[in-house]
Protein backbone atom coordinates (compact mmCIF):
# COMPACT_ATOMS: atom_id res chain seq x y z
CA MET A 1 9.98 -26.09 -13.41
CA ASN A 2 10.69 -25.81 -16.88
CA TRP A 3 9.17 -22.92 -19.19
CA ASP A 4 6.02 -24.89 -20.78
CA GLN A 5 5.33 -26.24 -16.85
CA ILE A 6 5.35 -21.56 -16.62
CA GLN A 7 3.06 -21.10 -19.29
CA GLY A 8 0.50 -23.71 -18.69
CA ASN A 9 0.30 -22.61 -15.40
CA TRP A 10 0.21 -19.31 -16.13
CA LYS A 11 -2.73 -17.49 -14.23
CA GLU A 12 -1.34 -19.03 -11.51
CA MET A 13 2.35 -18.03 -12.08
CA LYS A 14 1.55 -14.92 -13.40
CA GLY A 15 0.69 -13.62 -9.43
CA LYS A 16 4.03 -15.11 -8.35
CA ALA A 17 5.47 -12.74 -10.74
CA LEU A 18 4.03 -10.57 -8.77
CA GLU A 19 4.97 -11.01 -5.95
CA LYS A 20 8.28 -11.45 -6.80
CA TRP A 21 9.05 -8.31 -8.92
CA GLY A 22 6.26 -5.78 -7.21
CA GLN A 23 6.91 -3.06 -9.52
CA LEU A 24 5.01 -4.93 -13.00
CA THR A 25 1.49 -4.00 -13.01
CA ASP A 26 -1.58 -7.58 -13.62
CA ASP A 27 -1.88 -5.90 -16.47
CA GLU A 28 1.55 -6.15 -18.21
CA LEU A 29 1.72 -9.47 -17.06
CA THR A 30 -1.77 -10.86 -18.19
CA GLU A 31 -0.23 -8.96 -21.83
CA ALA A 32 2.94 -10.90 -21.35
CA LYS A 33 0.72 -14.22 -21.48
CA GLY A 34 3.59 -15.81 -20.48
CA ASP A 35 5.91 -15.66 -23.20
CA ARG A 36 9.49 -15.59 -21.42
CA GLU A 37 10.66 -13.27 -24.12
CA LYS A 38 8.49 -10.67 -23.20
CA LEU A 39 8.94 -11.35 -19.57
CA GLU A 40 11.94 -10.20 -19.43
CA GLY A 41 11.94 -7.53 -21.64
CA LEU A 42 9.65 -5.91 -18.84
CA LEU A 43 12.32 -6.91 -16.28
CA GLN A 44 14.80 -4.39 -18.89
CA THR A 45 12.32 -2.24 -18.55
CA LYS A 46 10.46 -2.04 -14.84
CA TYR A 47 13.70 -2.34 -13.31
CA GLY A 48 16.48 -1.01 -15.87
CA ASN A 49 17.78 -4.71 -16.29
CA THR A 50 20.27 -5.87 -18.86
CA LYS A 51 19.03 -8.86 -21.26
CA GLU A 52 21.71 -11.03 -19.07
CA GLU A 53 19.90 -10.01 -15.66
CA ALA A 54 16.44 -10.51 -17.09
CA ARG A 55 17.14 -14.20 -18.19
CA GLU A 56 19.20 -14.91 -15.21
CA ALA A 57 16.13 -13.27 -12.68
CA VAL A 58 14.31 -15.63 -14.89
CA ASP A 59 16.08 -19.14 -14.19
CA ARG A 60 16.12 -17.98 -10.63
CA TRP A 61 12.92 -17.82 -10.59
CA MET A 62 11.92 -20.61 -12.45
CA ALA A 63 13.89 -22.47 -10.18
CA GLU A 64 12.59 -21.68 -7.46
CA ALA A 65 8.23 -22.34 -8.23
C-alpha cells in the first residue's frame, strides 16, 4: 500500500495505527489527518524514535497494510 492509499483511507488506517502503536491516542491520529510527517513526529515524541527510526517504522507499517 502506498501513502496516498493510506491517506485516502485514513479513518480505517487510523484504527490499524492504534493497534500497532498503542501509545498513540485516537485524538492524536485524528489530528494527524493522514499526514505522514505528523505520524512520524508522533512516533518520535511518544516512542523516543529518531527521525530515521520513525520513517522506517512507518515504512514497515505501510508494507503490512
